[in-house]
PDB file of N, CA and C in Angstrom:
ATOM      1  N   MET A   1       0.824  -1.197   0.000  1.00  0.00           N
ATOM      2  CA  MET A   1       0.000   0.000   0.000  1.00  0.00           C
ATOM      3  C   MET A   1       0.860   1.249   0.000  1.00  0.00           C
ATOM      4  N   ASN A   2       1.939   1.195   0.756  1.00  0.00           N
ATOM      5  CA  ASN A   2       2.835   2.331   0.852  1.00  0.00           C
ATOM      6  C   ASN A   2       3.523   2.599  -0.491  1.00  0.00           C
ATOM      7  N   ASN A   3       3.912   1.521  -1.207  1.00  0.00           N
ATOM      8  CA  ASN A   3       4.542   1.677  -2.516  1.00  0.00           C
ATOM      9  C   ASN A   3       3.593   2.327  -3.514  1.00  0.00           C
ATOM     10  N   LEU A   4       2.338   1.966  -3.438  1.00  0.00           N
ATOM     11  CA  LEU A   4       1.346   2.544  -4.342  1.00  0.00           C
ATOM     12  C   LEU A   4       1.197   4.041  -4.106  1.00  0.00           C
ATOM     13  N   MET A   5       1.193   4.443  -2.863  1.00  0.00           N
ATOM     14  CA  MET A   5       1.079   5.872  -2.550  1.00  0.00           C
ATOM     15  C   MET A   5       2.305   6.637  -3.026  1.00  0.00           C
ATOM     16  N   ILE A   6       3.475   6.046  -2.873  1.00  0.00           N
ATOM     17  CA  ILE A   6       4.703   6.705  -3.327  1.00  0.00           C
ATOM     18  C   ILE A   6       4.702   6.840  -4.849  1.00  0.00           C
ATOM     19  N   MET A   7       4.316   5.792  -5.559  1.00  0.00           N
ATOM     20  CA  MET A   7       4.270   5.842  -7.020  1.00  0.00           C
ATOM     21  C   MET A   7       3.249   6.869  -7.506  1.00  0.00           C
ATOM     22  N   THR A   8       2.108   6.930  -6.837  1.00  0.00           N
ATOM     23  CA  THR A   8       1.092   7.911  -7.203  1.00  0.00           C
ATOM     24  C   THR A   8       1.600   9.324  -6.975  1.00  0.00           C
ATOM     25  N   LEU A   9       2.269   9.546  -5.874  1.00  0.00           N
ATOM     26  CA  LEU A   9       2.833  10.859  -5.575  1.00  0.00           C
ATOM     27  C   LEU A   9       3.894  11.245  -6.606  1.00  0.00           C
ATOM     28  N   ILE A  10       4.735  10.302  -6.983  1.00  0.00           N
ATOM     29  CA  ILE A  10       5.749  10.566  -8.012  1.00  0.00           C
ATOM     30  C   ILE A  10       5.086  10.891  -9.346  1.00  0.00           C
ATOM     31  N   PHE A  11       4.064  10.141  -9.700  1.00  0.00           N
ATOM     32  CA  PHE A  11       3.345  10.370 -10.952  1.00  0.00           C
ATOM     33  C   PHE A  11       2.753  11.777 -10.998  1.00  0.00           C
ATOM     34  N   TYR A  12       2.043  12.160  -9.937  1.00  0.00           N
ATOM     35  CA  TYR A  12       1.436  13.488  -9.904  1.00  0.00           C
ATOM     36  C   TYR A  12       2.485  14.593  -9.873  1.00  0.00           C
ATOM     37  N   THR A  13       3.594  14.354  -9.219  1.00  0.00           N
ATOM     38  CA  THR A  13       4.666  15.351  -9.182  1.00  0.00           C
ATOM     39  C   THR A  13       5.256  15.557 -10.573  1.00  0.00           C
ATOM     40  N   ILE A  14       5.507  14.470 -11.288  1.00  0.00           N
ATOM     41  CA  ILE A  14       6.043  14.580 -12.650  1.00  0.00           C
ATOM     42  C   ILE A  14       5.050  15.303 -13.555  1.00  0.00           C
ATOM     43  N   CYS A  15       3.773  14.977 -13.451  1.00  0.00           N
ATOM     44  CA  CYS A  15       2.755  15.656 -14.263  1.00  0.00           C
ATOM     45  C   CYS A  15       2.711  17.144 -13.950  1.00  0.00           C
ATOM     46  N   PHE A  16       2.776  17.493 -12.686  1.00  0.00           N
ATOM     47  CA  PHE A  16       2.740  18.895 -12.285  1.00  0.00           C
ATOM     48  C   PHE A  16       3.964  19.643 -12.809  1.00  0.00           C
ATOM     49  N   ILE A  17       5.138  19.025 -12.717  1.00  0.00           N
ATOM     50  CA  ILE A  17       6.364  19.657 -13.216  1.00  0.00           C
ATOM     51  C   ILE A  17       6.286  19.859 -14.725  1.00  0.00           C
ATOM     52  N   LEU A  18       5.774  18.876 -15.455  1.00  0.00           N
ATOM     53  CA  LEU A  18       5.649  19.010 -16.906  1.00  0.00           C
ATOM     54  C   LEU A  18       4.659  20.105 -17.287  1.00  0.00           C
ATOM     55  N   MET A  19       3.562  20.230 -16.559  1.00  0.00           N
ATOM     56  CA  MET A  19       2.605  21.299 -16.858  1.00  0.00           C
ATOM     57  C   MET A  19       3.222  22.665 -16.609  1.00  0.00           C
ATOM     58  N   ILE A  20       3.959  22.809 -15.526  1.00  0.00           N
ATOM     59  CA  ILE A  20       4.614  24.088 -15.230  1.00  0.00           C
ATOM     60  C   ILE A  20       5.662  24.399 -16.298  1.00  0.00           C
ATOM     61  N   LEU A  21       6.424  23.393 -16.737  1.00  0.00           N
ATOM     62  CA  LEU A  21       7.426  23.614 -17.779  1.00  0.00           C
ATOM     63  C   LEU A  21       6.799  24.053 -19.097  1.00  0.00           C
ATOM     64  N   THR A  22       5.665  23.466 -19.459  1.00  0.00           N
ATOM     65  CA  THR A  22       5.017  23.892 -20.704  1.00  0.00           C
ATOM     66  C   THR A  22       4.523  25.325 -20.604  1.00  0.00           C
ATOM     67  N   LEU A  23       4.049  25.734 -19.457  1.00  0.00           N
ATOM     68  CA  LEU A  23       3.621  27.124 -19.300  1.00  0.00           C
ATOM     69  C   LEU A  23       4.805  28.084 -19.385  1.00  0.00           C
ATOM     70  N   ILE A  24       5.935  27.695 -18.828  1.00  0.00           N
ATOM     71  CA  ILE A  24       7.104  28.573 -18.823  1.00  0.00           C
ATOM     72  C   ILE A  24       7.762  28.624 -20.203  1.00  0.00           C
ATOM     73  N   LEU A  25       7.894  27.481 -20.858  1.00  0.00           N
ATOM     74  CA  LEU A  25       8.648  27.409 -22.104  1.00  0.00           C
ATOM     75  C   LEU A  25       7.826  27.657 -23.361  1.00  0.00           C
ATOM     76  N   SER A  26       6.518  27.714 -23.252  1.00  0.00           N
ATOM     77  CA  SER A  26       5.702  27.885 -24.453  1.00  0.00           C
ATOM     78  C   SER A  26       5.815  29.305 -24.983  1.00  0.00           C
ATOM     79  N   LYS A  27       5.565  29.432 -26.308  1.00  0.00           N
ATOM     80  CA  LYS A  27       5.596  30.744 -26.938  1.00  0.00           C
ATOM     81  C   LYS A  27       4.386  31.538 -26.503  1.00  0.00           C
ATOM     82  N   LYS A  28       4.613  32.763 -26.226  1.00  0.00           N
ATOM     83  CA  LYS A  28       3.498  33.644 -25.886  1.00  0.00           C
ATOM     84  C   LYS A  28       3.012  34.301 -27.169  1.00  0.00           C
ATOM     85  N   LYS A  29       1.728  34.198 -27.441  1.00  0.00           N
ATOM     86  CA  LYS A  29       1.146  34.778 -28.648  1.00  0.00           C
ATOM     87  C   LYS A  29       0.450  36.079 -28.308  1.00  0.00           C
ATOM     88  N   ILE A  30       0.588  37.013 -29.204  1.00  0.00           N
ATOM     89  CA  ILE A  30      -0.184  38.243 -29.098  1.00  0.00           C
ATOM     90  C   ILE A  30      -1.313  38.118 -30.107  1.00  0.00           C
ATOM     91  N   ASN A  31      -2.530  38.115 -29.627  1.00  0.00           N
ATOM     92  CA  ASN A  31      -3.673  37.964 -30.512  1.00  0.00           C
ATOM     93  C   ASN A  31      -3.938  39.280 -31.226  1.00  0.00           C
ATOM     94  N   GLU A  32      -3.638  39.294 -32.504  1.00  0.00           N
ATOM     95  CA  GLU A  32      -3.911  40.452 -33.325  1.00  0.00           C
ATOM     96  C   GLU A  32      -5.092  40.133 -34.224  1.00  0.00           C
ATOM     97  N   TYR A  33      -5.769  41.177 -34.655  1.00  0.00           N
ATOM     98  CA  TYR A  33      -6.943  40.979 -35.495  1.00  0.00           C
ATOM     99  C   TYR A  33      -6.560  40.333 -36.815  1.00  0.00           C
ATOM    100  N   GLU A  34      -5.456  40.766 -37.401  1.00  0.00           N
ATOM    101  CA  GLU A  34      -5.052  40.230 -38.698  1.00  0.00           C
ATOM    102  C   GLU A  34      -4.676  38.755 -38.600  1.00  0.00           C
ATOM    103  N   LYS A  35      -4.104  38.369 -37.502  1.00  0.00           N
ATOM    104  CA  LYS A  35      -3.735  36.966 -37.344  1.00  0.00           C
ATOM    105  C   LYS A  35      -4.956  36.093 -37.077  1.00  0.00           C
ATOM    106  N   MET A  36      -5.956  36.653 -36.441  1.00  0.00           N
ATOM    107  CA  MET A  36      -7.142  35.871 -36.099  1.00  0.00           C
ATOM    108  C   MET A  36      -8.133  35.791 -37.250  1.00  0.00           C
ATOM    109  N   SER A  37      -8.068  36.714 -38.213  1.00  0.00           N
ATOM    110  CA  SER A  37      -9.027  36.705 -39.320  1.00  0.00           C
ATOM    111  C   SER A  37      -8.581  35.694 -40.372  1.00  0.00           C
ATOM    112  N   PRO A  38      -9.534  35.110 -41.098  1.00  0.00           N
ATOM    113  CA  PRO A  38      -9.174  34.129 -42.121  1.00  0.00           C
ATOM    114  C   PRO A  38      -8.483  34.800 -43.304  1.00  0.00           C
ATOM    115  N   PHE A  39      -7.604  34.053 -43.954  1.00  0.00           N
ATOM    116  CA  PHE A  39      -6.881  34.572 -45.112  1.00  0.00           C
ATOM    117  C   PHE A  39      -7.776  34.458 -46.334  1.00  0.00           C
ATOM    118  N   GLU A  40      -8.061  35.580 -46.959  1.00  0.00           N
ATOM    119  CA  GLU A  40      -8.955  35.593 -48.111  1.00  0.00           C
ATOM    120  C   GLU A  40      -8.307  36.297 -49.297  1.00  0.00           C
ATOM    121  N   CYS A  41      -7.042  36.110 -49.527  1.00  0.00           N
ATOM    122  CA  CYS A  41      -6.320  36.676 -50.668  1.00  0.00           C
ATOM    123  C   CYS A  41      -6.384  38.197 -50.700  1.00  0.00           C
ATOM    124  N   GLY A  42      -6.524  38.823 -49.577  1.00  0.00           N
ATOM    125  CA  GLY A  42      -6.514  40.271 -49.525  1.00  0.00           C
ATOM    126  C   GLY A  42      -7.853  40.926 -49.777  1.00  0.00           C
ATOM    127  N   PHE A  43      -8.886  40.168 -50.087  1.00  0.00           N
ATOM    128  CA  PHE A  43     -10.198  40.745 -50.361  1.00  0.00           C
ATOM    129  C   PHE A  43     -11.067  40.661 -49.115  1.00  0.00           C
ATOM    130  N   ASN A  44     -11.848  41.681 -48.897  1.00  0.00           N
ATOM    131  CA  ASN A  44     -12.844  41.620 -47.835  1.00  0.00           C
ATOM    132  C   ASN A  44     -14.014  40.783 -48.320  1.00  0.00           C
ATOM    133  N   MET A  45     -14.627  40.080 -47.423  1.00  0.00           N
ATOM    134  CA  MET A  45     -15.737  39.210 -47.813  1.00  0.00           C
ATOM    135  C   MET A  45     -16.965  40.040 -48.148  1.00  0.00           C
ATOM    136  N   LYS A  46     -17.646  39.668 -49.199  1.00  0.00           N
ATOM    137  CA  LYS A  46     -18.852  40.380 -49.630  1.00  0.00           C
ATOM    138  C   LYS A  46     -20.075  39.948 -48.835  1.00  0.00           C
ATOM    139  N   MET A  47     -20.098  38.697 -48.437  1.00  0.00           N
ATOM    140  CA  MET A  47     -21.243  38.163 -47.699  1.00  0.00           C
ATOM    141  C   MET A  47     -20.738  37.197 -46.635  1.00  0.00           C
ATOM    142  N   SER A  48     -21.605  36.868 -45.725  1.00  0.00           N
ATOM    143  CA  SER A  48     -21.246  35.954 -44.646  1.00  0.00           C
ATOM    144  C   SER A  48     -21.067  34.540 -45.198  1.00  0.00           C
ATOM    145  N   PRO A  49     -20.027  33.829 -44.780  1.00  0.00           N
ATOM    146  CA  PRO A  49     -19.842  32.462 -45.271  1.00  0.00           C
ATOM    147  C   PRO A  49     -20.812  31.476 -44.642  1.00  0.00           C
ATOM    148  N   ARG A  50     -21.487  31.882 -43.601  1.00  0.00           N
ATOM    149  CA  ARG A  50     -22.421  30.987 -42.916  1.00  0.00           C
ATOM    150  C   ARG A  50     -23.792  31.061 -43.584  1.00  0.00           C
ATOM    151  N   LEU A  51     -24.272  29.909 -43.969  1.00  0.00           N
ATOM    152  CA  LEU A  51     -25.585  29.824 -44.591  1.00  0.00           C
ATOM    153  C   LEU A  51     -26.615  29.466 -43.529  1.00  0.00           C
ATOM    154  N   PRO A  52     -27.860  29.863 -43.725  1.00  0.00           N
ATOM    155  CA  PRO A  52     -28.883  29.472 -42.741  1.00  0.00           C
ATOM    156  C   PRO A  52     -29.047  27.954 -42.727  1.00  0.00           C
ATOM    157  N   PHE A  53     -29.256  27.433 -41.543  1.00  0.00           N
ATOM    158  CA  PHE A  53     -29.345  25.991 -41.357  1.00  0.00           C
ATOM    159  C   PHE A  53     -30.760  25.636 -40.931  1.00  0.00           C
ATOM    160  N   SER A  54     -31.315  24.649 -41.574  1.00  0.00           N
ATOM    161  CA  SER A  54     -32.676  24.231 -41.273  1.00  0.00           C
ATOM    162  C   SER A  54     -32.705  23.416 -39.976  1.00  0.00           C
ATOM    163  N   LEU A  55     -33.446  23.902 -39.004  1.00  0.00           N
ATOM    164  CA  LEU A  55     -33.578  23.189 -37.739  1.00  0.00           C
ATOM    165  C   LEU A  55     -34.337  21.878 -37.939  1.00  0.00           C
ATOM    166  N   HIS A  56     -35.267  21.870 -38.872  1.00  0.00           N
ATOM    167  CA  HIS A  56     -36.030  20.650 -39.136  1.00  0.00           C
ATOM    168  C   HIS A  56     -35.106  19.546 -39.674  1.00  0.00           C
ATOM    169  N   PHE A  57     -34.166  19.930 -40.523  1.00  0.00           N
ATOM    170  CA  PHE A  57     -33.191  18.961 -41.021  1.00  0.00           C
ATOM    171  C   PHE A  57     -32.397  18.364 -39.864  1.00  0.00           C
ATOM    172  N   PHE A  58     -32.022  19.186 -38.901  1.00  0.00           N
ATOM    173  CA  PHE A  58     -31.296  18.720 -37.720  1.00  0.00           C
ATOM    174  C   PHE A  58     -32.145  17.733 -36.923  1.00  0.00           C
ATOM    175  N   LEU A  59     -33.438  18.023 -36.744  1.00  0.00           N
ATOM    176  CA  LEU A  59     -34.318  17.119 -35.995  1.00  0.00           C
ATOM    177  C   LEU A  59     -34.485  15.781 -36.713  1.00  0.00           C
ATOM    178  N   ILE A  60     -34.604  15.828 -38.042  1.00  0.00           N
ATOM    179  CA  ILE A  60     -34.704  14.583 -38.812  1.00  0.00           C
ATOM    180  C   ILE A  60     -33.427  13.757 -38.627  1.00  0.00           C
ATOM    181  N   THR A  61     -32.288  14.418 -38.608  1.00  0.00           N
ATOM    182  CA  THR A  61     -31.021  13.715 -38.411  1.00  0.00           C
ATOM    183  C   THR A  61     -30.963  13.064 -37.036  1.00  0.00           C
ATOM    184  N   ILE A  62     -31.404  13.777 -36.017  1.00  0.00           N
ATOM    185  CA  ILE A  62     -31.412  13.218 -34.659  1.00  0.00           C
ATOM    186  C   ILE A  62     -32.357  12.018 -34.585  1.00  0.00           C
ATOM    187  N   MET A  63     -33.537  12.136 -35.208  1.00  0.00           N
ATOM    188  CA  MET A  63     -34.473  10.999 -35.208  1.00  0.00           C
ATOM    189  C   MET A  63     -33.862   9.796 -35.918  1.00  0.00           C
ATOM    190  N   PHE A  64     -33.167  10.045 -37.032  1.00  0.00           N
ATOM    191  CA  PHE A  64     -32.520   8.947 -37.742  1.00  0.00           C
ATOM    192  C   PHE A  64     -31.501   8.252 -36.843  1.00  0.00           C
ATOM    193  N   LEU A  65     -30.697   9.033 -36.131  1.00  0.00           N
ATOM    194  CA  LEU A  65     -29.700   8.434 -35.246  1.00  0.00           C
ATOM    195  C   LEU A  65     -30.350   7.622 -34.132  1.00  0.00           C
ATOM    196  N   ILE A  66     -31.429   8.147 -33.567  1.00  0.00           N
ATOM    197  CA  ILE A  66     -32.116   7.427 -32.490  1.00  0.00           C
ATOM    198  C   ILE A  66     -32.667   6.103 -33.002  1.00  0.00           C
ATOM    199  N   PHE A  67     -33.351   6.128 -34.154  1.00  0.00           N
ATOM    200  CA  PHE A  67     -33.916   4.889 -34.682  1.00  0.00           C
ATOM    201  C   PHE A  67     -32.823   3.940 -35.162  1.00  0.00           C
ATOM    202  N   ASP A  68     -31.708   4.474 -35.617  1.00  0.00           N
ATOM    203  CA  ASP A  68     -30.602   3.624 -36.028  1.00  0.00           C
ATOM    204  C   ASP A  68     -30.025   2.880 -34.825  1.00  0.00           C
ATOM    205  N   VAL A  69     -29.880   3.570 -33.708  1.00  0.00           N
ATOM    206  CA  VAL A  69     -29.394   2.915 -32.486  1.00  0.00           C
ATOM    207  C   VAL A  69     -30.405   1.878 -32.014  1.00  0.00           C
ATOM    208  N   GLU A  70     -31.682   2.191 -32.116  1.00  0.00           N
ATOM    209  CA  GLU A  70     -32.704   1.224 -31.703  1.00  0.00           C
ATOM    210  C   GLU A  70     -32.662  -0.021 -32.572  1.00  0.00           C
ATOM    211  N   ILE A  71     -32.411   0.138 -33.851  1.00  0.00           N
ATOM    212  CA  ILE A  71     -32.323  -1.030 -34.731  1.00  0.00           C
ATOM    213  C   ILE A  71     -31.102  -1.869 -34.374  1.00  0.00           C
ATOM    214  N   THR A  72     -30.002  -1.215 -34.018  1.00  0.00           N
ATOM    215  CA  THR A  72     -28.831  -1.997 -33.607  1.00  0.00           C
ATOM    216  C   THR A  72     -29.083  -2.737 -32.303  1.00  0.00           C
ATOM    217  N   LEU A  73     -30.041  -2.290 -31.508  1.00  0.00           N
ATOM    218  CA  LEU A  73     -30.406  -3.027 -30.298  1.00  0.00           C
ATOM    219  C   LEU A  73     -31.415  -4.134 -30.592  1.00  0.00           C
ATOM    220  N   ILE A  74     -32.195  -3.980 -31.646  1.00  0.00           N
ATOM    221  CA  ILE A  74     -33.188  -5.001 -31.995  1.00  0.00           C
ATOM    222  C   ILE A  74     -32.516  -6.223 -32.623  1.00  0.00           C
ATOM    223  N   ILE A  75     -31.494  -6.023 -33.436  1.00  0.00           N
ATOM    224  CA  ILE A  75     -30.869  -7.136 -34.155  1.00  0.00           C
ATOM    225  C   ILE A  75     -30.351  -8.223 -33.209  1.00  0.00           C
ATOM    226  N   PRO A  76     -29.643  -7.901 -32.125  1.00  0.00           N
ATOM    227  CA  PRO A  76     -29.239  -8.994 -31.217  1.00  0.00           C
ATOM    228  C   PRO A  76     -30.426  -9.689 -30.557  1.00  0.00           C
ATOM    229  N   MET A  77     -31.526  -8.967 -30.357  1.00  0.00           N
ATOM    230  CA  MET A  77     -32.719  -9.614 -29.791  1.00  0.00           C
ATOM    231  C   MET A  77     -33.236 -10.688 -30.739  1.00  0.00           C
ATOM    232  N   ILE A  78     -33.207 -10.400 -32.019  1.00  0.00           N
ATOM    233  CA  ILE A  78     -33.686 -11.368 -33.006  1.00  0.00           C
ATOM    234  C   ILE A  78     -32.768 -12.586 -33.048  1.00  0.00           C
ATOM    235  N   MET A  79     -31.467 -12.351 -32.913  1.00  0.00           N
ATOM    236  CA  MET A  79     -30.504 -13.447 -32.997  1.00  0.00           C
ATOM    237  C   MET A  79     -30.552 -14.373 -31.775  1.00  0.00           C
ATOM    238  N   THR A  80     -31.048 -13.886 -30.640  1.00  0.00           N
ATOM    239  CA  THR A  80     -30.995 -14.683 -29.405  1.00  0.00           C
ATOM    240  C   THR A  80     -32.333 -15.299 -29.027  1.00  0.00           C
ATOM    241  N   TRP A  81     -33.270 -15.339 -29.901  1.00  0.00           N
ATOM    242  CA  TRP A  81     -34.595 -15.822 -29.506  1.00  0.00           C
ATOM    243  C   TRP A  81     -34.594 -17.294 -29.124  1.00  0.00           C
ATOM    244  N   ASN A  82     -33.727 -18.104 -29.715  1.00  0.00           N
ATOM    245  CA  ASN A  82     -33.746 -19.530 -29.379  1.00  0.00           C
ATOM    246  C   ASN A  82     -32.854 -19.868 -28.180  1.00  0.00           C
ATOM    247  N   PHE A  83     -32.118 -18.907 -27.644  1.00  0.00           N
ATOM    248  CA  PHE A  83     -31.277 -19.152 -26.474  1.00  0.00           C
ATOM    249  C   PHE A  83     -31.941 -18.717 -25.173  1.00  0.00           C
ATOM    250  N   CYS A  84     -33.037 -18.001 -25.261  1.00  0.00           N
ATOM    251  CA  CYS A  84     -33.664 -17.424 -24.071  1.00  0.00           C
ATOM    252  C   CYS A  84     -35.019 -18.079 -23.812  1.00  0.00           C
ATOM    253  N   ASN A  85     -35.550 -17.792 -22.640  1.00  0.00           N
ATOM    254  CA  ASN A  85     -36.910 -18.183 -22.326  1.00  0.00           C
ATOM    255  C   ASN A  85     -37.831 -17.371 -23.232  1.00  0.00           C
ATOM    256  N   LEU A  86     -38.666 -18.031 -24.011  1.00  0.00           N
ATOM    257  CA  LEU A  86     -39.465 -17.341 -25.025  1.00  0.00           C
ATOM    258  C   LEU A  86     -40.433 -16.337 -24.424  1.00  0.00           C
ATOM    259  N   LYS A  87     -40.943 -16.630 -23.243  1.00  0.00           N
ATOM    260  CA  LYS A  87     -41.891 -15.709 -22.620  1.00  0.00           C
ATOM    261  C   LYS A  87     -41.208 -14.379 -22.300  1.00  0.00           C
ATOM    262  N   TYR A  88     -40.046 -14.432 -21.659  1.00  0.00           N
ATOM    263  CA  TYR A  88     -39.339 -13.203 -21.304  1.00  0.00           C
ATOM    264  C   TYR A  88     -38.764 -12.512 -22.540  1.00  0.00           C
ATOM    265  N   TRP A  89     -38.336 -13.295 -23.508  1.00  0.00           N
ATOM    266  CA  TRP A  89     -37.820 -12.720 -24.746  1.00  0.00           C
ATOM    267  C   TRP A  89     -38.925 -11.963 -25.468  1.00  0.00           C
ATOM    268  N   PHE A  90     -40.101 -12.573 -25.568  1.00  0.00           N
ATOM    269  CA  PHE A  90     -41.219 -11.929 -26.247  1.00  0.00           C
ATOM    270  C   PHE A  90     -41.644 -10.661 -25.511  1.00  0.00           C
ATOM    271  N   LEU A  91     -41.705 -10.716 -24.174  1.00  0.00           N
ATOM    272  CA  LEU A  91     -42.102  -9.534 -23.407  1.00  0.00           C
ATOM    273  C   LEU A  91     -41.087  -8.400 -23.551  1.00  0.00           C
ATOM    274  N   SER A  92     -39.810  -8.716 -23.528  1.00  0.00           N
ATOM    275  CA  SER A  92     -38.805  -7.657 -23.665  1.00  0.00           C
ATOM    276  C   SER A  92     -38.822  -7.059 -25.068  1.00  0.00           C
ATOM    277  N   CYS A  93     -38.984  -7.899 -26.096  1.00  0.00           N
ATOM    278  CA  CYS A  93     -39.079  -7.372 -27.466  1.00  0.00           C
ATOM    279  C   CYS A  93     -40.334  -6.537 -27.638  1.00  0.00           C
ATOM    280  N   LEU A  94     -41.437  -6.992 -27.079  1.00  0.00           N
ATOM    281  CA  LEU A  94     -42.683  -6.244 -27.179  1.00  0.00           C
ATOM    282  C   LEU A  94     -42.569  -4.900 -26.464  1.00  0.00           C
ATOM    283  N   PHE A  95     -41.973  -4.893 -25.290  1.00  0.00           N
ATOM    284  CA  PHE A  95     -41.770  -3.651 -24.552  1.00  0.00           C
ATOM    285  C   PHE A  95     -40.896  -2.683 -25.342  1.00  0.00           C
ATOM    286  N   PHE A  96     -39.833  -3.193 -25.929  1.00  0.00           N
ATOM    287  CA  PHE A  96     -38.932  -2.359 -26.720  1.00  0.00           C
ATOM    288  C   PHE A  96     -39.637  -1.793 -27.945  1.00  0.00           C
ATOM    289  N   LEU A  97     -40.406  -2.626 -28.638  1.00  0.00           N
ATOM    290  CA  LEU A  97     -41.133  -2.152 -29.820  1.00  0.00           C
ATOM    291  C   LEU A  97     -42.217  -1.146 -29.451  1.00  0.00           C
ATOM    292  N   ILE A  98     -42.860  -1.321 -28.296  1.00  0.00           N
ATOM    293  CA  ILE A  98     -43.866  -0.349 -27.855  1.00  0.00           C
ATOM    294  C   ILE A  98     -43.217   1.008 -27.603  1.00  0.00           C
ATOM    295  N   ILE A  99     -42.033   1.007 -27.013  1.00  0.00           N
ATOM    296  CA  ILE A  99     -41.329   2.276 -26.790  1.00  0.00           C
ATOM    297  C   ILE A  99     -40.996   2.938 -28.122  1.00  0.00           C
ATOM    298  N   ILE A 100     -40.533   2.161 -29.098  1.00  0.00           N
ATOM    299  CA  ILE A 100     -40.215   2.720 -30.415  1.00  0.00           C
ATOM    300  C   ILE A 100     -41.465   3.284 -31.080  1.00  0.00           C
ATOM    301  N   ILE A 101     -42.561   2.538 -31.027  1.00  0.00           N
ATOM    302  CA  ILE A 101     -43.801   2.992 -31.666  1.00  0.00           C
ATOM    303  C   ILE A 101     -44.355   4.221 -30.965  1.00  0.00           C
ATOM    304  N   MET A 102     -44.247   4.277 -29.633  1.00  0.00           N
ATOM    305  CA  MET A 102     -44.711   5.477 -28.917  1.00  0.00           C
ATOM    306  C   MET A 102     -43.880   6.703 -29.303  1.00  0.00           C
ATOM    307  N   GLY A 103     -42.576   6.535 -29.465  1.00  0.00           N
ATOM    308  CA  GLY A 103     -41.724   7.643 -29.907  1.00  0.00           C
ATOM    309  C   GLY A 103     -42.071   8.096 -31.303  1.00  0.00           C
ATOM    310  N   LEU A 104     -42.336   7.145 -32.199  1.00  0.00           N
ATOM    311  CA  LEU A 104     -42.727   7.494 -33.564  1.00  0.00           C
ATOM    312  C   LEU A 104     -44.077   8.192 -33.587  1.00  0.00           C
ATOM    313  N   TYR A 105     -45.013   7.729 -32.759  1.00  0.00           N
ATOM    314  CA  TYR A 105     -46.328   8.369 -32.681  1.00  0.00           C
ATOM    315  C   TYR A 105     -46.210   9.800 -32.154  1.00  0.00           C
ATOM    316  N   TYR A 106     -45.361   9.993 -31.149  1.00  0.00           N
ATOM    317  CA  TYR A 106     -45.159  11.342 -30.606  1.00  0.00           C
ATOM    318  C   TYR A 106     -44.577  12.273 -31.671  1.00  0.00           C
ATOM    319  N   GLU A 107     -43.598  11.777 -32.430  1.00  0.00           N
ATOM    320  CA  GLU A 107     -43.020  12.597 -33.491  1.00  0.00           C
ATOM    321  C   GLU A 107     -44.054  12.898 -34.567  1.00  0.00           C
ATOM    322  N   TRP A 108     -44.919  11.954 -34.843  1.00  0.00           N
ATOM    323  CA  TRP A 108     -45.960  12.159 -35.845  1.00  0.00           C
ATOM    324  C   TRP A 108     -46.955  13.220 -35.374  1.00  0.00           C
ATOM    325  N   THR A 109     -47.379  13.133 -34.095  1.00  0.00           N
ATOM    326  CA  THR A 109     -48.355  14.107 -33.594  1.00  0.00           C
ATOM    327  C   THR A 109     -47.757  15.502 -33.461  1.00  0.00           C
ATOM    328  N   GLN A 110     -46.465  15.618 -33.247  1.00  0.00           N
ATOM    329  CA  GLN A 110     -45.813  16.924 -33.161  1.00  0.00           C
ATOM    330  C   GLN A 110     -45.462  17.480 -34.539  1.00  0.00           C
ATOM    331  N   LYS A 111     -45.823  16.744 -35.585  1.00  0.00           N
ATOM    332  CA  LYS A 111     -45.563  17.109 -36.982  1.00  0.00           C
ATOM    333  C   LYS A 111     -44.074  17.311 -37.245  1.00  0.00           C
ATOM    334  N   MET A 112     -43.267  16.473 -36.612  1.00  0.00           N
ATOM    335  CA  MET A 112     -41.827  16.541 -36.848  1.00  0.00           C
ATOM    336  C   MET A 112     -41.440  15.778 -38.105  1.00  0.00           C
ATOM    337  N   LEU A 113     -42.313  14.911 -38.579  1.00  0.00           N
ATOM    338  CA  LEU A 113     -41.999  14.121 -39.761  1.00  0.00           C
ATOM    339  C   LEU A 113     -42.434  14.805 -41.052  1.00  0.00           C
ATOM    340  N   LYS A 114     -43.193  15.884 -40.939  1.00  0.00           N
ATOM    341  CA  LYS A 114     -43.629  16.596 -42.134  1.00  0.00           C
ATOM    342  C   LYS A 114     -42.557  17.611 -42.503  1.00  0.00           C
ATOM    343  N   TRP A 115     -42.110  17.556 -43.748  1.00  0.00           N
ATOM    344  CA  TRP A 115     -41.052  18.463 -44.187  1.00  0.00           C
ATOM    345  C   TRP A 115     -41.670  19.785 -44.616  1.00  0.00           C
ATOM    346  N   THR A 116     -41.376  20.826 -43.840  1.00  0.00           N
ATOM    347  CA  THR A 116     -41.870  22.160 -44.178  1.00  0.00           C
ATOM    348  C   THR A 116     -40.682  23.077 -44.374  1.00  0.00           C
ATOM    349  N   THR A 117     -40.828  24.012 -45.300  1.00  0.00           N
ATOM    350  CA  THR A 117     -39.721  24.947 -45.552  1.00  0.00           C
ATOM    351  C   THR A 117     -40.081  26.331 -45.088  1.00  0.00           C
TER     352      THR A 117
END
């Protein structure tokens, strides 16, 4: 136990010394406007490079990811049906599918699946 405490103390001491050395030896930067602005061949930008982003597109993407993860959880359930007690397997699959269907119904009632511009 004593050796572990000594090794931990040595480890933290070395880490602390290295952090202090990086602060002392690192280059100090002066943040200037010209250095922080993007290089655009000497021309000022005529318009903003940021385009408006559709929030609905973002929500559709999140729903896709959620259902994709749910499908990756369903596939092992299908593969293990003959290794488990069928009653508990059926109940767990049914419970999981009910949760998925309730989520889809909620998205449908909130009109999140309708593409509007």
